[in-house]
Amino acid sequence: MRSGVTWWIIAFIMLLLDFYVFQAVKTVSQYASPLSKTIIQFTYWGISVLTLASLISLPYIPFLQTNKIFRNYVFAILFGLFLAKLIGSIIFMIDDIRRLFTLIAQQFTAPKAVLPSAEAVSADAGIPRSTFLSWAGIGMGTALFGTLLNGFSNKYNYKVKRISLSFANLPQAFKGLRIVHISDIHSGSFNDKAAVNHGIDLILKENADMILFTGDLVNDRHEEMLEYKDIFGRLTAPMGVYSTLGNHDYGDYTSWPSVTAKKQNLESLKQLQKGMGWRLLMNEHIVFDRAGEKIALLGIENFGAKGRFPKYGRMQDAYPGTEKIPFKILMSHDPSHWDYQVKKEYKDIDLMLSGHTHGMQFGLENPYFKWSPVQWMYKQWAGLYEDGSQKLYVNRGFGFIGYPGRVGIMPEITVITLS
């Protein structure tokens, strides 16, 4: 995507969409006064030219190469415009196909037969059908673009989700244990320390026994976290704060001057977490003892079942020594690990905690229904999943990456009570 040629190709595709959508704009503006019609069409092409110019110039503006946060906003707006026009074009195409079939049918129909014309009037709307569909396409595209813009305001709109999980084998001494689970901080995307600090306040108000973080502290580099180290260093709990690594923490998605530099970045990230008072679990476990009863917390490095995600996690290192512990919690960043290995080979892992998907930061969710495009990629993508006595909880993410906002799927702080 860094190639200037790539952006020219994208701009050409956008230009084709512009001409196609403009036909609908002309259709709906025919009812306006001559002056209003001119203003509407001039405004449309003004926005289109500005969009195309922005696309073409993106690879050549140094500021956008160094300021990733601003660049993400520009990308989000341009992508929103593209998606809005694409959605509108689908509606317009339906009308064009309808009219094509009508014309073909008329060629094979006796002259005396009367068929609806391409501009048949809708009895309900009182306007030509093509005009109605043009309005519908423009309306849907505009609504989608407006929704994406409004989503910018939700990126720090933290939601505390409280759930109670019951396990028959949970030791009596640990009944009522309260866990705060967060994931996917992505500090490199933040631009508002006060808003992030408010999220930390919400976590601390829960007075949890332990705090568990399941990976992706940064987008690429440990330096992204330096400005927020003091804020996240506030996190504390009686039984400790524990963390694992996510796929972004390894620096796999950026360029490094050498292999040594990449390794040093990961080591610096580890030391940074230690400096915040967090215990990073690298394919290992910890045993907690209360009144002679025990539970185990396992944490592994990133393990993704999808081919393009790394499998650094080693359950064969983390699990030994926990065989006789009656209750086990596993922190594993990628929820695909549950189906791929945990349910098959480690059936005594009672609760697995993950993140990774962010709920795609886009979807619909209410007490009775949830949907996001990410479900086409991940079977388990947000909330609680159960298989027999084993449970998986997928956190929707504390932060964000790419699109600097959230639509329908809010940033999450999960409070889990074991019973």
Protein backbone atom coordinates (compact mmCIF):
# COMPACT_ATOMS: atom_id res chain seq x y z
CA MET A 1 0.00 0.00 0.00
CA ARG A 2 3.04 2.26 0.12
CA SER A 3 3.33 2.25 -3.67
CA GLY A 4 2.25 5.44 -5.44
CA VAL A 5 1.00 3.30 -8.33
CA THR A 6 -1.38 1.52 -5.96
CA TRP A 7 -2.95 4.80 -4.92
CA TRP A 8 -3.38 5.86 -8.55
CA ILE A 9 -5.24 2.61 -9.23
CA ILE A 10 -7.47 3.17 -6.20
CA ALA A 11 -8.10 6.74 -7.34
CA PHE A 12 -9.12 5.50 -10.81
CA ILE A 13 -11.61 3.05 -9.30
CA MET A 14 -12.96 5.86 -7.12
CA LEU A 15 -13.32 8.06 -10.22
CA LEU A 16 -15.40 5.39 -11.95
CA LEU A 17 -17.63 5.22 -8.87
CA ASP A 18 -17.91 9.02 -8.90
CA PHE A 19 -19.26 9.06 -12.46
CA TYR A 20 -21.70 6.25 -11.71
CA VAL A 21 -23.01 7.85 -8.52
CA PHE A 22 -23.28 11.20 -10.31
CA GLN A 23 -25.98 9.76 -12.56
CA ALA A 24 -28.10 9.23 -9.44
CA VAL A 25 -27.25 12.71 -8.17
CA LYS A 26 -28.53 14.15 -11.48
CA THR A 27 -31.71 12.09 -11.14
CA VAL A 28 -32.58 13.31 -7.65
CA SER A 29 -31.54 16.93 -8.33
CA GLN A 30 -33.86 17.29 -11.33
CA TYR A 31 -36.65 18.41 -8.99
CA ALA A 32 -34.55 21.23 -7.54
CA SER A 33 -34.45 24.78 -8.86
CA PRO A 34 -31.77 25.53 -11.47
CA LEU A 35 -29.60 27.30 -8.89
CA SER A 36 -29.98 24.51 -6.30
CA LYS A 37 -29.29 21.91 -8.97
CA THR A 38 -26.05 23.67 -9.91
CA ILE A 39 -24.98 23.95 -6.25
CA ILE A 40 -25.70 20.25 -5.59
CA GLN A 41 -23.76 19.03 -8.61
CA PHE A 42 -20.89 21.47 -8.07
CA THR A 43 -20.61 20.41 -4.41
CA TYR A 44 -20.61 16.75 -5.39
CA TRP A 45 -17.73 17.14 -7.81
CA GLY A 46 -15.89 19.46 -5.45
CA ILE A 47 -15.87 16.74 -2.77
CA SER A 48 -14.97 14.10 -5.36
CA VAL A 49 -12.01 16.08 -6.72
CA LEU A 50 -10.75 16.76 -3.19
CA THR A 51 -11.05 13.05 -2.39
CA LEU A 52 -9.19 11.99 -5.50
CA ALA A 53 -6.45 14.56 -4.92
CA SER A 54 -6.05 13.31 -1.35
CA LEU A 55 -5.76 9.70 -2.50
CA ILE A 56 -3.13 10.46 -5.11
CA SER A 57 -1.04 12.66 -2.82
CA LEU A 58 -1.04 10.34 0.23
CA PRO A 59 2.26 8.56 -0.55
CA TYR A 60 4.03 11.87 -1.17
CA ILE A 61 3.16 13.80 2.01
CA PRO A 62 5.88 13.26 4.65
CA PHE A 63 3.60 14.42 7.47
CA LEU A 64 1.21 11.51 6.81
CA GLN A 65 4.10 9.05 6.84
CA THR A 66 5.23 10.12 10.32
CA ASN A 67 1.95 11.09 12.00
CA LYS A 68 0.09 7.78 12.09
CA ILE A 69 -2.81 9.05 14.19
CA PHE A 70 -3.69 11.84 11.74
CA ARG A 71 -3.15 9.45 8.84
CA ASN A 72 -5.66 7.01 10.32
CA TYR A 73 -8.31 9.75 10.40
CA VAL A 74 -7.61 10.60 6.76
CA PHE A 75 -7.77 6.95 5.76
CA ALA A 76 -11.01 6.45 7.69
CA ILE A 77 -12.70 9.41 5.99
CA LEU A 78 -11.54 8.37 2.52
CA PHE A 79 -12.56 4.77 3.11
CA GLY A 80 -15.92 5.93 4.46
CA LEU A 81 -16.55 7.93 1.29
CA PHE A 82 -15.57 4.97 -0.86
CA LEU A 83 -17.80 2.58 1.10
CA ALA A 84 -20.73 5.02 1.00
CA LYS A 85 -20.48 5.33 -2.78
CA LEU A 86 -20.06 1.59 -3.17
CA ILE A 87 -23.22 0.88 -1.15
CA GLY A 88 -25.13 3.49 -3.14
CA SER A 89 -23.85 2.01 -6.41
CA ILE A 90 -25.20 -1.41 -5.48
CA ILE A 91 -28.70 0.09 -5.12
CA PHE A 92 -28.34 2.00 -8.38
CA MET A 93 -27.17 -1.16 -10.14
CA ILE A 94 -30.28 -3.01 -8.98
CA ASP A 95 -32.37 -0.33 -10.68
CA ASP A 96 -30.25 -0.46 -13.84
CA ILE A 97 -30.60 -4.24 -14.04
CA ARG A 98 -34.35 -3.92 -13.51
CA ARG A 99 -34.63 -1.44 -16.36
CA LEU A 100 -32.48 -3.62 -18.61
CA PHE A 101 -34.75 -6.63 -18.11
CA THR A 102 -37.80 -4.42 -18.69
CA LEU A 103 -36.40 -3.26 -22.02
CA ILE A 104 -35.54 -6.81 -23.05
CA ALA A 105 -39.04 -8.01 -22.11
CA GLN A 106 -40.60 -5.23 -24.18
CA GLN A 107 -38.78 -6.48 -27.26
CA PHE A 108 -40.52 -9.84 -27.01
CA THR A 109 -43.97 -8.59 -26.02
CA ALA A 110 -46.83 -7.88 -28.41
CA PRO A 111 -47.27 -4.11 -29.00
CA LYS A 112 -50.72 -4.12 -27.43
CA ALA A 113 -49.41 -5.51 -24.15
CA VAL A 114 -48.60 -2.88 -21.60
CA LEU A 115 -45.56 -3.36 -19.40
CA PRO A 116 -44.31 -1.05 -16.65
CA SER A 117 -41.81 1.40 -18.06
CA ALA A 118 -38.43 2.10 -16.54
CA GLU A 119 -39.90 5.21 -14.99
CA ALA A 120 -43.03 3.56 -13.58
CA VAL A 121 -44.53 5.54 -10.78
CA SER A 122 -44.70 4.01 -7.33
CA ALA A 123 -48.25 4.16 -6.07
CA ASP A 124 -47.02 4.61 -2.52
CA ALA A 125 -44.25 7.14 -3.11
CA GLY A 126 -45.81 9.05 -5.98
CA ILE A 127 -42.40 9.41 -7.65
CA PRO A 128 -40.72 7.48 -10.46
CA ARG A 129 -39.27 4.19 -9.27
CA SER A 130 -35.77 5.07 -10.52
CA THR A 131 -35.84 8.34 -8.62
CA PHE A 132 -36.95 6.52 -5.48
CA LEU A 133 -34.10 3.99 -5.76
CA SER A 134 -31.63 6.79 -6.45
CA TRP A 135 -32.76 8.54 -3.26
CA ALA A 136 -32.55 5.21 -1.38
CA GLY A 137 -28.98 4.55 -2.54
CA ILE A 138 -27.81 8.08 -1.74
CA GLY A 139 -29.57 7.94 1.63
CA MET A 140 -28.02 4.61 2.61
CA GLY A 141 -24.54 5.71 1.56
CA THR A 142 -24.85 9.02 3.39
CA ALA A 143 -26.16 7.31 6.53
CA LEU A 144 -23.23 4.86 6.52
CA PHE A 145 -20.68 7.65 6.07
CA GLY A 146 -22.32 9.67 8.85
CA THR A 147 -22.27 6.63 11.13
CA LEU A 148 -18.55 6.10 10.54
CA LEU A 149 -17.84 9.76 11.30
CA ASN A 150 -19.93 9.60 14.47
CA GLY A 151 -17.96 6.51 15.49
CA PHE A 152 -14.91 8.72 16.06
CA SER A 153 -16.58 9.92 19.27
CA ASN A 154 -16.93 6.37 20.64
CA LYS A 155 -13.29 5.29 20.72
CA TYR A 156 -12.98 6.11 24.44
CA ASN A 157 -16.58 5.28 25.31
CA TYR A 158 -15.62 2.48 27.71
CA LYS A 159 -18.32 0.02 28.72
CA VAL A 160 -18.01 -2.10 31.85
CA LYS A 161 -19.51 -5.56 31.27
CA ARG A 162 -20.09 -7.67 34.37
CA ILE A 163 -20.63 -11.41 34.16
CA SER A 164 -20.81 -14.21 36.70
CA LEU A 165 -19.37 -17.58 35.68
CA SER A 166 -20.20 -20.75 37.57
CA PHE A 167 -17.83 -23.74 37.74
CA ALA A 168 -18.55 -26.95 39.64
CA ASN A 169 -14.85 -27.54 40.32
CA LEU A 170 -13.96 -24.04 41.56
CA PRO A 171 -12.37 -24.42 45.04
CA GLN A 172 -14.51 -23.01 47.84
CA ALA A 173 -11.79 -20.59 48.91
CA PHE A 174 -11.91 -18.86 45.51
CA LYS A 175 -15.66 -18.50 45.16
CA GLY A 176 -16.50 -14.85 44.59
CA LEU A 177 -13.09 -14.14 43.01
CA ARG A 178 -13.35 -10.95 40.94
CA ILE A 179 -11.26 -10.57 37.79
CA VAL A 180 -10.96 -7.52 35.56
CA HIS A 181 -10.13 -8.59 32.03
CA ILE A 182 -8.88 -6.09 29.45
CA SER A 183 -7.25 -6.62 26.08
CA ASP A 184 -5.88 -4.85 23.00
CA ILE A 185 -4.77 -1.51 24.42
CA HIS A 186 -2.96 -0.45 21.21
CA SER A 187 -1.38 2.58 22.86
CA GLY A 188 0.05 3.76 19.54
CA SER A 189 -3.45 4.79 18.48
CA PHE A 190 -4.23 6.94 21.54
CA ASN A 191 -4.33 10.75 21.37
CA ASP A 192 -6.21 11.66 24.57
CA LYS A 193 -4.51 10.86 27.89
CA ALA A 194 -7.40 12.19 29.97
CA ALA A 195 -9.86 9.85 28.25
CA VAL A 196 -7.57 6.85 28.72
CA ASN A 197 -7.04 7.81 32.35
CA HIS A 198 -10.81 7.77 32.82
CA GLY A 199 -10.80 4.18 31.58
CA ILE A 200 -8.22 3.29 34.22
CA ASP A 201 -10.40 4.94 36.85
CA LEU A 202 -13.29 2.69 35.81
CA ILE A 203 -11.08 -0.38 36.21
CA LEU A 204 -9.83 0.62 39.65
CA LYS A 205 -13.38 1.33 40.87
CA GLU A 206 -14.18 -2.37 40.45
CA ASN A 207 -11.74 -3.33 43.25
CA ALA A 208 -10.94 -6.61 41.50
CA ASP A 209 -8.82 -9.33 43.11
CA MET A 210 -6.67 -9.53 39.98
CA ILE A 211 -6.34 -7.76 36.63
CA LEU A 212 -5.60 -9.75 33.48
CA PHE A 213 -4.47 -8.24 30.18
CA THR A 214 -4.48 -10.49 27.11
CA GLY A 215 -2.10 -8.78 24.70
CA ASP A 216 -1.51 -6.10 22.07
CA LEU A 217 -0.15 -3.40 24.33
CA VAL A 218 1.20 -1.49 21.30
CA ASN A 219 0.64 -1.35 17.55
CA ASP A 220 4.28 -1.96 16.61
CA ARG A 221 6.91 -0.36 18.86
CA HIS A 222 7.46 -0.17 22.60
CA GLU A 223 7.96 3.62 22.39
CA GLU A 224 4.22 4.01 21.76
CA MET A 225 3.60 3.06 25.38
CA LEU A 226 6.08 5.46 27.00
CA GLU A 227 3.62 8.36 27.14
CA TYR A 228 1.00 6.15 28.79
CA LYS A 229 3.23 4.14 31.12
CA ASP A 230 2.33 6.29 34.12
CA ILE A 231 -1.39 5.87 33.47
CA PHE A 232 -1.39 2.09 33.09
CA GLY A 233 1.12 1.82 35.91
CA ARG A 234 -1.73 2.90 38.18
CA LEU A 235 -3.34 -0.50 37.77
CA THR A 236 -3.01 -2.59 40.87
CA ALA A 237 -4.87 -5.49 42.49
CA PRO A 238 -4.37 -7.60 45.66
CA MET A 239 -3.46 -10.73 43.67
CA GLY A 240 -1.55 -8.83 40.99
CA VAL A 241 -1.70 -7.61 37.39
CA TYR A 242 -0.80 -10.20 34.76
CA SER A 243 -0.33 -9.93 31.02
CA THR A 244 0.45 -11.84 27.84
CA LEU A 245 1.66 -10.84 24.38
CA GLY A 246 -0.53 -10.30 21.32
CA ASN A 247 0.40 -10.48 17.66
CA HIS A 248 1.13 -6.72 17.43
CA ASP A 249 3.57 -6.76 20.35
CA TYR A 250 6.30 -8.53 18.37
CA GLY A 251 6.77 -5.73 15.84
CA ASP A 252 5.96 -8.02 12.92
CA TYR A 253 4.01 -5.35 11.03
CA THR A 254 6.67 -2.67 10.64
CA SER A 255 10.15 -2.35 9.16
CA TRP A 256 13.28 -2.69 11.30
CA PRO A 257 16.88 -1.79 10.43
CA SER A 258 18.00 -5.21 11.67
CA VAL A 259 16.83 -8.39 13.36
CA THR A 260 18.65 -7.22 16.48
CA ALA A 261 16.61 -4.00 16.58
CA LYS A 262 13.38 -5.96 16.39
CA LYS A 263 14.45 -8.26 19.21
CA GLN A 264 15.51 -5.30 21.31
CA ASN A 265 12.08 -3.72 20.82
CA LEU A 266 10.39 -6.82 22.22
CA GLU A 267 12.80 -6.93 25.15
CA SER A 268 12.11 -3.26 25.87
CA LEU A 269 8.37 -3.98 25.80
CA LYS A 270 8.86 -6.74 28.37
CA GLN A 271 10.88 -4.47 30.64
CA LEU A 272 8.28 -1.71 30.26
CA GLN A 273 5.56 -4.00 31.58
CA LYS A 274 7.79 -5.03 34.45
CA GLY A 275 8.34 -1.36 35.24
CA MET A 276 4.56 -0.85 35.45
CA GLY A 277 4.33 -3.65 38.00
CA TRP A 278 2.76 -6.13 35.58
CA ARG A 279 3.79 -9.78 35.54
CA LEU A 280 4.19 -10.87 31.92
CA LEU A 281 3.53 -14.59 31.51
CA MET A 282 5.65 -16.03 28.71
CA ASN A 283 4.47 -19.62 28.26
CA GLU A 284 4.35 -20.18 32.01
CA HIS A 285 1.94 -20.40 34.91
CA ILE A 286 1.37 -19.16 38.44
CA VAL A 287 -0.37 -21.04 41.25
CA PHE A 288 -2.50 -19.18 43.81
CA ASP A 289 -3.11 -20.71 47.22
CA ARG A 290 -5.93 -19.84 49.62
CA ALA A 291 -6.51 -21.83 52.78
CA GLY A 292 -4.72 -24.79 51.22
CA GLU A 293 -6.82 -24.70 48.02
CA LYS A 294 -5.30 -23.83 44.68
CA ILE A 295 -6.05 -22.41 41.24
CA ALA A 296 -3.64 -21.90 38.34
CA LEU A 297 -3.23 -19.00 35.92
CA LEU A 298 -1.52 -19.85 32.64
CA GLY A 299 -0.30 -17.31 30.11
CA ILE A 300 1.12 -18.02 26.68
CA GLU A 301 2.54 -15.93 23.88
CA ASN A 302 0.42 -15.24 20.82
CA PHE A 303 -1.01 -18.35 19.19
CA GLY A 304 -3.24 -17.78 16.15
CA ALA A 305 -4.90 -20.63 14.27
CA LYS A 306 -5.21 -18.44 11.17
CA GLY A 307 -2.28 -18.95 8.82
CA ARG A 308 -1.07 -15.36 8.75
CA PHE A 309 -0.84 -15.02 12.53
CA PRO A 310 2.16 -16.37 14.47
CA LYS A 311 2.14 -19.39 16.74
CA TYR A 312 4.66 -18.30 19.35
CA GLY A 313 2.64 -19.75 22.24
CA ARG A 314 3.78 -23.02 23.78
CA MET A 315 1.20 -24.75 25.94
CA GLN A 316 3.69 -27.58 26.36
CA ASP A 317 5.79 -25.17 28.44
CA ALA A 318 3.01 -23.40 30.32
CA TYR A 319 0.90 -26.41 31.28
CA PRO A 320 3.31 -28.82 33.08
CA GLY A 321 2.97 -28.46 36.84
CA THR A 322 -0.73 -27.62 36.74
CA GLU A 323 -2.04 -31.13 36.09
CA LYS A 324 -3.27 -31.60 39.67
CA ILE A 325 -4.54 -28.04 40.15
CA PRO A 326 -8.37 -28.35 40.19
CA PHE A 327 -9.14 -25.07 38.42
CA LYS A 328 -7.23 -23.39 35.58
CA ILE A 329 -7.50 -20.04 33.77
CA LEU A 330 -5.64 -19.52 30.50
CA MET A 331 -4.72 -16.16 28.99
CA SER A 332 -4.26 -16.53 25.23
CA HIS A 333 -4.60 -13.49 22.95
CA ASP A 334 -6.22 -15.08 19.90
CA PRO A 335 -9.60 -16.82 20.45
CA SER A 336 -9.00 -19.19 17.52
CA HIS A 337 -6.55 -20.98 19.82
CA TRP A 338 -9.53 -22.35 21.78
CA ASP A 339 -10.92 -24.53 18.98
CA TYR A 340 -7.52 -25.25 17.45
CA GLN A 341 -5.80 -26.68 20.51
CA VAL A 342 -7.26 -25.94 23.95
CA LYS A 343 -10.56 -27.84 23.61
CA LYS A 344 -8.83 -30.78 21.98
CA GLU A 345 -5.68 -31.23 24.03
CA TYR A 346 -6.31 -29.37 27.29
CA LYS A 347 -9.84 -30.23 28.34
CA ASP A 348 -9.16 -29.26 31.96
CA ILE A 349 -8.63 -25.59 31.08
CA ASP A 350 -11.79 -24.23 32.68
CA LEU A 351 -11.71 -20.61 31.46
CA MET A 352 -9.79 -19.07 28.57
CA LEU A 353 -9.57 -15.29 28.19
CA SER A 354 -8.82 -13.69 24.81
CA GLY A 355 -9.14 -10.50 22.78
CA HIS A 356 -7.67 -9.84 19.32
CA THR A 357 -10.85 -9.34 17.26
CA HIS A 358 -11.97 -5.93 18.71
CA GLY A 359 -15.43 -7.01 17.48
CA MET A 360 -14.00 -5.34 14.35
CA GLN A 361 -14.94 -2.05 16.09
CA PHE A 362 -18.07 -2.17 13.94
CA GLY A 363 -21.34 -4.03 14.30
CA LEU A 364 -24.71 -4.28 15.97
CA GLU A 365 -25.21 -5.45 19.51
CA ASN A 366 -28.10 -5.64 21.98
CA PRO A 367 -29.11 -8.12 24.71
CA TYR A 368 -30.73 -10.43 22.13
CA PHE A 369 -28.58 -10.07 19.06
CA LYS A 370 -25.03 -9.31 18.00
CA TRP A 371 -23.46 -9.08 14.57
CA SER A 372 -20.19 -7.92 13.07
CA PRO A 373 -18.40 -8.70 9.81
CA VAL A 374 -15.60 -10.18 11.90
CA GLN A 375 -17.80 -13.22 12.62
CA TRP A 376 -17.13 -14.36 9.04
CA MET A 377 -13.48 -14.74 10.08
CA TYR A 378 -13.76 -15.80 13.72
CA LYS A 379 -16.26 -18.23 15.17
CA GLN A 380 -15.70 -16.76 18.63
CA TRP A 381 -15.36 -12.99 18.33
CA ALA A 382 -17.01 -11.22 21.31
CA GLY A 383 -18.45 -12.24 24.66
CA LEU A 384 -18.94 -15.62 26.28
CA TYR A 385 -18.75 -19.04 24.59
CA GLU A 386 -19.21 -22.43 26.21
CA ASP A 387 -18.47 -26.02 25.26
CA GLY A 388 -19.32 -28.53 27.96
CA SER A 389 -17.60 -27.41 31.14
CA GLN A 390 -15.08 -25.21 29.30
CA LYS A 391 -15.67 -21.49 28.79
CA LEU A 392 -14.10 -18.81 26.60
CA TYR A 393 -14.53 -15.06 27.00
CA VAL A 394 -13.47 -12.74 24.18
CA ASN A 395 -12.95 -9.12 25.23
CA ARG A 396 -13.92 -6.48 22.65
CA GLY A 397 -10.74 -4.51 23.28
CA PHE A 398 -9.81 -1.49 25.38
CA GLY A 399 -8.23 0.43 22.50
CA PHE A 400 -8.51 0.62 18.74
CA ILE A 401 -6.36 0.35 15.63
CA GLY A 402 -6.81 1.41 12.03
CA TYR A 403 -10.25 2.99 12.12
CA PRO A 404 -10.04 5.56 14.97
CA GLY A 405 -13.50 4.90 16.31
CA ARG A 406 -16.20 2.40 17.18
CA VAL A 407 -19.64 1.78 15.76
CA GLY A 408 -21.96 -0.47 17.77
CA ILE A 409 -19.10 -2.41 19.42
CA MET A 410 -17.77 -0.28 22.27
CA PRO A 411 -14.38 -0.55 24.05
CA GLU A 412 -14.74 -3.02 26.91
CA ILE A 413 -13.72 -3.55 30.51
CA THR A 414 -14.87 -7.00 31.60
CA VAL A 415 -15.53 -7.82 35.26
CA ILE A 416 -15.78 -11.56 35.84
CA THR A 417 -16.98 -13.02 39.13
CA LEU A 418 -16.30 -16.74 39.68
CA SER A 419 -18.98 -18.66 41.52
